[in-house]
Amino acid sequence: PWQPVSPVSLEEDILPLALQSGKRVFGL
């Protein structure tokens, strides 16, 4: 839902969206 020139947070925007969308998220 962000604009190309707006700031985006990995922790607050991208990862929650990935999880809500059912994407697989991996970490080590």
PDB file of all heavy atoms in Angstrom:
ATOM      1  N   PRO A   1       0.804  -1.224   0.000  1.00  0.00           N
ATOM      2  CA  PRO A   1       0.000   0.000   0.000  1.00  0.00           C
ATOM      3  C   PRO A   1       0.839   1.277   0.000  1.00  0.00           C
ATOM      4  O   PRO A   1       0.296   2.364   0.070  1.00  0.00           O
ATOM      5  CB  PRO A   1      -0.778  -0.119   1.317  1.00  0.00           C
ATOM      6  CG  PRO A   1       0.117  -0.913   2.203  1.00  0.00           C
ATOM      7  CD  PRO A   1       0.839  -1.883   1.292  1.00  0.00           C
ATOM      8  N   TRP A   2       2.144   1.173  -0.084  1.00  0.00           N
ATOM      9  CA  TRP A   2       3.026   2.337  -0.028  1.00  0.00           C
ATOM     10  C   TRP A   2       3.268   2.911  -1.411  1.00  0.00           C
ATOM     11  O   TRP A   2       3.056   2.267  -2.422  1.00  0.00           O
ATOM     12  CB  TRP A   2       4.353   1.960   0.619  1.00  0.00           C
ATOM     13  CG  TRP A   2       4.890   0.657   0.124  1.00  0.00           C
ATOM     14  CD1 TRP A   2       5.567   0.416  -1.032  1.00  0.00           C
ATOM     15  CD2 TRP A   2       4.740  -0.618   0.738  1.00  0.00           C
ATOM     16  NE1 TRP A   2       5.850  -0.909  -1.167  1.00  0.00           N
ATOM     17  CE2 TRP A   2       5.362  -1.581  -0.085  1.00  0.00           C
ATOM     18  CE3 TRP A   2       4.152  -1.045   1.920  1.00  0.00           C
ATOM     19  CZ2 TRP A   2       5.396  -2.931   0.226  1.00  0.00           C
ATOM     20  CZ3 TRP A   2       4.198  -2.400   2.219  1.00  0.00           C
ATOM     21  CH2 TRP A   2       4.819  -3.317   1.372  1.00  0.00           C
ATOM     22  N   GLN A   3       3.761   4.137  -1.418  1.00  0.00           N
ATOM     23  CA  GLN A   3       4.095   4.823  -2.659  1.00  0.00           C
ATOM     24  C   GLN A   3       5.585   4.626  -2.944  1.00  0.00           C
ATOM     25  O   GLN A   3       6.379   4.489  -2.017  1.00  0.00           O
ATOM     26  CB  GLN A   3       3.779   6.310  -2.535  1.00  0.00           C
ATOM     27  CG  GLN A   3       2.313   6.603  -2.305  1.00  0.00           C
ATOM     28  CD  GLN A   3       1.466   6.144  -3.470  1.00  0.00           C
ATOM     29  OE1 GLN A   3       1.801   6.355  -4.626  1.00  0.00           O
ATOM     30  NE2 GLN A   3       0.354   5.497  -3.169  1.00  0.00           N
ATOM     31  N   PRO A   4       5.996   4.637  -4.227  1.00  0.00           N
ATOM     32  CA  PRO A   4       7.408   4.406  -4.570  1.00  0.00           C
ATOM     33  C   PRO A   4       8.383   5.362  -3.892  1.00  0.00           C
ATOM     34  O   PRO A   4       9.504   4.994  -3.630  1.00  0.00           O
ATOM     35  CB  PRO A   4       7.438   4.587  -6.086  1.00  0.00           C
ATOM     36  CG  PRO A   4       6.049   4.331  -6.537  1.00  0.00           C
ATOM     37  CD  PRO A   4       5.161   4.785  -5.401  1.00  0.00           C
ATOM     38  N   VAL A   5       7.982   6.576  -3.602  1.00  0.00           N
ATOM     39  CA  VAL A   5       8.906   7.541  -3.007  1.00  0.00           C
ATOM     40  C   VAL A   5       8.759   7.648  -1.488  1.00  0.00           C
ATOM     41  O   VAL A   5       9.465   8.420  -0.855  1.00  0.00           O
ATOM     42  CB  VAL A   5       8.737   8.944  -3.641  1.00  0.00           C
ATOM     43  CG1 VAL A   5       9.113   8.902  -5.109  1.00  0.00           C
ATOM     44  CG2 VAL A   5       7.324   9.455  -3.446  1.00  0.00           C
ATOM     45  N   SER A   6       7.854   6.875  -0.884  1.00  0.00           N
ATOM     46  CA  SER A   6       7.640   6.966   0.557  1.00  0.00           C
ATOM     47  C   SER A   6       8.543   5.988   1.300  1.00  0.00           C
ATOM     48  O   SER A   6       8.923   4.947   0.774  1.00  0.00           O
ATOM     49  CB  SER A   6       6.169   6.676   0.889  1.00  0.00           C
ATOM     50  OG  SER A   6       5.850   5.336   0.567  1.00  0.00           O
ATOM     51  N   PRO A   7       8.904   6.324   2.538  1.00  0.00           N
ATOM     52  CA  PRO A   7       9.722   5.395   3.338  1.00  0.00           C
ATOM     53  C   PRO A   7       8.935   4.125   3.655  1.00  0.00           C
ATOM     54  O   PRO A   7       7.715   4.178   3.850  1.00  0.00           O
ATOM     55  CB  PRO A   7      10.016   6.168   4.621  1.00  0.00           C
ATOM     56  CG  PRO A   7       9.454   7.527   4.458  1.00  0.00           C
ATOM     57  CD  PRO A   7       8.622   7.555   3.229  1.00  0.00           C
ATOM     58  N   VAL A   8       9.632   3.015   3.690  1.00  0.00           N
ATOM     59  CA  VAL A   8       9.018   1.719   3.982  1.00  0.00           C
ATOM     60  C   VAL A   8       9.875   1.017   5.024  1.00  0.00           C
ATOM     61  O   VAL A   8      11.100   1.013   4.929  1.00  0.00           O
ATOM     62  CB  VAL A   8       8.924   0.852   2.704  1.00  0.00           C
ATOM     63  CG1 VAL A   8       8.343  -0.513   3.013  1.00  0.00           C
ATOM     64  CG2 VAL A   8       8.095   1.545   1.647  1.00  0.00           C
ATOM     65  N   SER A   9       9.219   0.420   6.004  1.00  0.00           N
ATOM     66  CA  SER A   9       9.920  -0.304   7.056  1.00  0.00           C
ATOM     67  C   SER A   9       9.817  -1.802   6.802  1.00  0.00           C
ATOM     68  O   SER A   9       8.713  -2.321   6.598  1.00  0.00           O
ATOM     69  CB  SER A   9       9.314   0.031   8.416  1.00  0.00           C
ATOM     70  OG  SER A   9       9.759  -0.865   9.404  1.00  0.00           O
ATOM     71  N   LEU A  10      10.948  -2.480   6.845  1.00  0.00           N
ATOM     72  CA  LEU A  10      10.946  -3.925   6.697  1.00  0.00           C
ATOM     73  C   LEU A  10      10.111  -4.562   7.807  1.00  0.00           C
ATOM     74  O   LEU A  10       9.256  -5.408   7.550  1.00  0.00           O
ATOM     75  CB  LEU A  10      12.379  -4.462   6.737  1.00  0.00           C
ATOM     76  CG  LEU A  10      12.521  -5.968   6.596  1.00  0.00           C
ATOM     77  CD1 LEU A  10      12.194  -6.412   5.177  1.00  0.00           C
ATOM     78  CD2 LEU A  10      13.913  -6.405   6.977  1.00  0.00           C
ATOM     79  N   GLU A  11      10.351  -4.131   9.058  1.00  0.00           N
ATOM     80  CA  GLU A  11       9.685  -4.740  10.212  1.00  0.00           C
ATOM     81  C   GLU A  11       8.208  -4.367  10.317  1.00  0.00           C
ATOM     82  O   GLU A  11       7.401  -5.191  10.735  1.00  0.00           O
ATOM     83  CB  GLU A  11      10.374  -4.318  11.520  1.00  0.00           C
ATOM     84  CG  GLU A  11      11.805  -4.735  11.627  1.00  0.00           C
ATOM     85  CD  GLU A  11      12.788  -3.733  11.035  1.00  0.00           C
ATOM     86  OE1 GLU A  11      12.380  -2.724  10.443  1.00  0.00           O
ATOM     87  OE2 GLU A  11      13.998  -3.972  11.166  1.00  0.00           O
ATOM     88  N   GLU A  12       7.866  -3.148   9.970  1.00  0.00           N
ATOM     89  CA  GLU A  12       6.494  -2.680  10.170  1.00  0.00           C
ATOM     90  C   GLU A  12       5.614  -2.787   8.923  1.00  0.00           C
ATOM     91  O   GLU A  12       4.391  -2.774   9.051  1.00  0.00           O
ATOM     92  CB  GLU A  12       6.502  -1.234  10.661  1.00  0.00           C
ATOM     93  CG  GLU A  12       7.143  -1.100  12.037  1.00  0.00           C
ATOM     94  CD  GLU A  12       7.191   0.339  12.514  1.00  0.00           C
ATOM     95  OE1 GLU A  12       6.460   1.187  11.958  1.00  0.00           O
ATOM     96  OE2 GLU A  12       7.965   0.614  13.442  1.00  0.00           O
ATOM     97  N   ASP A  13       6.204  -2.866   7.753  1.00  0.00           N
ATOM     98  CA  ASP A  13       5.427  -2.867   6.520  1.00  0.00           C
ATOM     99  C   ASP A  13       5.578  -4.166   5.722  1.00  0.00           C
ATOM    100  O   ASP A  13       4.607  -4.865   5.475  1.00  0.00           O
ATOM    101  CB  ASP A  13       5.830  -1.681   5.624  1.00  0.00           C
ATOM    102  CG  ASP A  13       5.586  -0.339   6.299  1.00  0.00           C
ATOM    103  OD1 ASP A  13       4.519  -0.158   6.909  1.00  0.00           O
ATOM    104  OD2 ASP A  13       6.483   0.522   6.218  1.00  0.00           O
ATOM    105  N   ILE A  14       6.797  -4.470   5.317  1.00  0.00           N
ATOM    106  CA  ILE A  14       7.022  -5.568   4.377  1.00  0.00           C
ATOM    107  C   ILE A  14       6.794  -6.945   5.010  1.00  0.00           C
ATOM    108  O   ILE A  14       6.057  -7.762   4.475  1.00  0.00           O
ATOM    109  CB  ILE A  14       8.422  -5.462   3.760  1.00  0.00           C
ATOM    110  CG1 ILE A  14       8.508  -4.172   2.939  1.00  0.00           C
ATOM    111  CG2 ILE A  14       8.733  -6.683   2.896  1.00  0.00           C
ATOM    112  CD1 ILE A  14       9.876  -3.848   2.413  1.00  0.00           C
ATOM    113  N   LEU A  15       7.437  -7.215   6.149  1.00  0.00           N
ATOM    114  CA  LEU A  15       7.281  -8.533   6.764  1.00  0.00           C
ATOM    115  C   LEU A  15       5.850  -8.813   7.217  1.00  0.00           C
ATOM    116  O   LEU A  15       5.331  -9.904   6.954  1.00  0.00           O
ATOM    117  CB  LEU A  15       8.273  -8.719   7.908  1.00  0.00           C
ATOM    118  CG  LEU A  15       9.735  -8.813   7.484  1.00  0.00           C
ATOM    119  CD1 LEU A  15      10.641  -8.929   8.704  1.00  0.00           C
ATOM    120  CD2 LEU A  15       9.973  -9.960   6.526  1.00  0.00           C
ATOM    121  N   PRO A  16       5.154  -7.867   7.874  1.00  0.00           N
ATOM    122  CA  PRO A  16       3.752  -8.147   8.220  1.00  0.00           C
ATOM    123  C   PRO A  16       2.878  -8.410   6.996  1.00  0.00           C
ATOM    124  O   PRO A  16       2.023  -9.293   7.019  1.00  0.00           O
ATOM    125  CB  PRO A  16       3.307  -6.883   8.951  1.00  0.00           C
ATOM    126  CG  PRO A  16       4.555  -6.329   9.535  1.00  0.00           C
ATOM    127  CD  PRO A  16       5.619  -6.624   8.500  1.00  0.00           C
ATOM    128  N   LEU A  17       3.099  -7.662   5.916  1.00  0.00           N
ATOM    129  CA  LEU A  17       2.322  -7.886   4.692  1.00  0.00           C
ATOM    130  C   LEU A  17       2.610  -9.278   4.129  1.00  0.00           C
ATOM    131  O   LEU A  17       1.700  -9.988   3.711  1.00  0.00           O
ATOM    132  CB  LEU A  17       2.638  -6.815   3.644  1.00  0.00           C
ATOM    133  CG  LEU A  17       1.908  -6.968   2.316  1.00  0.00           C
ATOM    134  CD1 LEU A  17       0.405  -6.835   2.512  1.00  0.00           C
ATOM    135  CD2 LEU A  17       2.409  -5.948   1.306  1.00  0.00           C
ATOM    136  N   ALA A  18       3.869  -9.676   4.141  1.00  0.00           N
ATOM    137  CA  ALA A  18       4.235 -11.006   3.642  1.00  0.00           C
ATOM    138  C   ALA A  18       3.535 -12.092   4.461  1.00  0.00           C
ATOM    139  O   ALA A  18       2.975 -13.036   3.903  1.00  0.00           O
ATOM    140  CB  ALA A  18       5.746 -11.192   3.691  1.00  0.00           C
ATOM    141  N   LEU A  19       3.551 -11.955   5.772  1.00  0.00           N
ATOM    142  CA  LEU A  19       2.914 -12.949   6.638  1.00  0.00           C
ATOM    143  C   LEU A  19       1.406 -12.966   6.456  1.00  0.00           C
ATOM    144  O   LEU A  19       0.791 -14.035   6.370  1.00  0.00           O
ATOM    145  CB  LEU A  19       3.284 -12.688   8.097  1.00  0.00           C
ATOM    146  CG  LEU A  19       4.749 -12.918   8.443  1.00  0.00           C
ATOM    147  CD1 LEU A  19       5.063 -12.396   9.843  1.00  0.00           C
ATOM    148  CD2 LEU A  19       5.118 -14.388   8.314  1.00  0.00           C
ATOM    149  N   GLN A  20       0.791 -11.792   6.364  1.00  0.00           N
ATOM    150  CA  GLN A  20      -0.657 -11.697   6.162  1.00  0.00           C
ATOM    151  C   GLN A  20      -1.066 -12.286   4.814  1.00  0.00           C
ATOM    152  O   GLN A  20      -2.162 -12.808   4.671  1.00  0.00           O
ATOM    153  CB  GLN A  20      -1.123 -10.253   6.258  1.00  0.00           C
ATOM    154  CG  GLN A  20      -1.032  -9.676   7.652  1.00  0.00           C
ATOM    155  CD  GLN A  20      -1.249  -8.165   7.669  1.00  0.00           C
ATOM    156  OE1 GLN A  20      -1.509  -7.544   6.633  1.00  0.00           O
ATOM    157  NE2 GLN A  20      -1.122  -7.581   8.838  1.00  0.00           N
ATOM    158  N   SER A  21      -0.182 -12.197   3.835  1.00  0.00           N
ATOM    159  CA  SER A  21      -0.472 -12.700   2.488  1.00  0.00           C
ATOM    160  C   SER A  21      -0.182 -14.195   2.359  1.00  0.00           C
ATOM    161  O   SER A  21      -0.343 -14.759   1.284  1.00  0.00           O
ATOM    162  CB  SER A  21       0.372 -11.947   1.453  1.00  0.00           C
ATOM    163  OG  SER A  21       0.111 -10.567   1.508  1.00  0.00           O
ATOM    164  N   GLY A  22       0.296 -14.807   3.449  1.00  0.00           N
ATOM    165  CA  GLY A  22       0.593 -16.231   3.408  1.00  0.00           C
ATOM    166  C   GLY A  22       1.924 -16.565   2.753  1.00  0.00           C
ATOM    167  O   GLY A  22       2.164 -17.715   2.396  1.00  0.00           O
ATOM    168  N   LYS A  23       2.788 -15.565   2.590  1.00  0.00           N
ATOM    169  CA  LYS A  23       4.110 -15.809   2.001  1.00  0.00           C
ATOM    170  C   LYS A  23       4.984 -16.548   3.003  1.00  0.00           C
ATOM    171  O   LYS A  23       4.820 -16.409   4.206  1.00  0.00           O
ATOM    172  CB  LYS A  23       4.790 -14.488   1.619  1.00  0.00           C
ATOM    173  CG  LYS A  23       4.034 -13.648   0.643  1.00  0.00           C
ATOM    174  CD  LYS A  23       4.136 -14.196  -0.740  1.00  0.00           C
ATOM    175  CE  LYS A  23       3.450 -13.232  -1.703  1.00  0.00           C
ATOM    176  NZ  LYS A  23       3.443 -13.720  -3.048  1.00  0.00           N
ATOM    177  N   ARG A  24       5.916 -17.303   2.495  1.00  0.00           N
ATOM    178  CA  ARG A  24       6.875 -17.982   3.361  1.00  0.00           C
ATOM    179  C   ARG A  24       7.972 -16.993   3.729  1.00  0.00           C
ATOM    180  O   ARG A  24       8.528 -16.317   2.871  1.00  0.00           O
ATOM    181  CB  ARG A  24       7.462 -19.198   2.661  1.00  0.00           C
ATOM    182  CG  ARG A  24       6.407 -20.249   2.372  1.00  0.00           C
ATOM    183  CD  ARG A  24       6.964 -21.530   1.841  1.00  0.00           C
ATOM    184  NE  ARG A  24       7.904 -21.306   0.748  1.00  0.00           N
ATOM    185  CZ  ARG A  24       8.642 -22.262   0.213  1.00  0.00           C
ATOM    186  NH1 ARG A  24       8.561 -23.497   0.661  1.00  0.00           N
ATOM    187  NH2 ARG A  24       9.466 -21.999  -0.773  1.00  0.00           N
ATOM    188  N   VAL A  25       8.273 -16.912   5.012  1.00  0.00           N
ATOM    189  CA  VAL A  25       9.307 -16.025   5.521  1.00  0.00           C
ATOM    190  C   VAL A  25      10.289 -16.884   6.297  1.00  0.00           C
ATOM    191  O   VAL A  25       9.894 -17.684   7.144  1.00  0.00           O
ATOM    192  CB  VAL A  25       8.705 -14.933   6.439  1.00  0.00           C
ATOM    193  CG1 VAL A  25       9.791 -14.068   7.043  1.00  0.00           C
ATOM    194  CG2 VAL A  25       7.707 -14.082   5.660  1.00  0.00           C
ATOM    195  N   PHE A  26      11.555 -16.748   5.990  1.00  0.00           N
ATOM    196  CA  PHE A  26      12.589 -17.551   6.629  1.00  0.00           C
ATOM    197  C   PHE A  26      13.582 -16.650   7.342  1.00  0.00           C
ATOM    198  O   PHE A  26      13.815 -15.523   6.934  1.00  0.00           O
ATOM    199  CB  PHE A  26      13.360 -18.384   5.582  1.00  0.00           C
ATOM    200  CG  PHE A  26      12.503 -19.358   4.843  1.00  0.00           C
ATOM    201  CD1 PHE A  26      11.920 -19.006   3.643  1.00  0.00           C
ATOM    202  CD2 PHE A  26      12.288 -20.630   5.351  1.00  0.00           C
ATOM    203  CE1 PHE A  26      11.124 -19.892   2.949  1.00  0.00           C
ATOM    204  CE2 PHE A  26      11.494 -21.530   4.667  1.00  0.00           C
ATOM    205  CZ  PHE A  26      10.909 -21.160   3.472  1.00  0.00           C
ATOM    206  N   GLY A  27      14.178 -17.177   8.379  1.00  0.00           N
ATOM    207  CA  GLY A  27      15.218 -16.456   9.097  1.00  0.00           C
ATOM    208  C   GLY A  27      16.202 -17.451   9.670  1.00  0.00           C
ATOM    209  O   GLY A  27      15.935 -18.655   9.726  1.00  0.00           O
ATOM    210  N   LEU A  28      17.314 -16.960  10.088  1.00  0.00           N
ATOM    211  CA  LEU A  28      18.359 -17.796  10.679  1.00  0.00           C
ATOM    212  C   LEU A  28      18.834 -17.112  11.945  1.00  0.00           C
ATOM    213  O   LEU A  28      19.284 -15.967  11.905  1.00  0.00           O
ATOM    214  CB  LEU A  28      19.525 -17.965   9.704  1.00  0.00           C
ATOM    215  CG  LEU A  28      20.745 -18.708  10.225  1.00  0.00           C
ATOM    216  CD1 LEU A  28      20.396 -20.158  10.545  1.00  0.00           C
ATOM    217  CD2 LEU A  28      21.868 -18.640   9.206  1.00  0.00           C
TER     218      LEU A  28
END
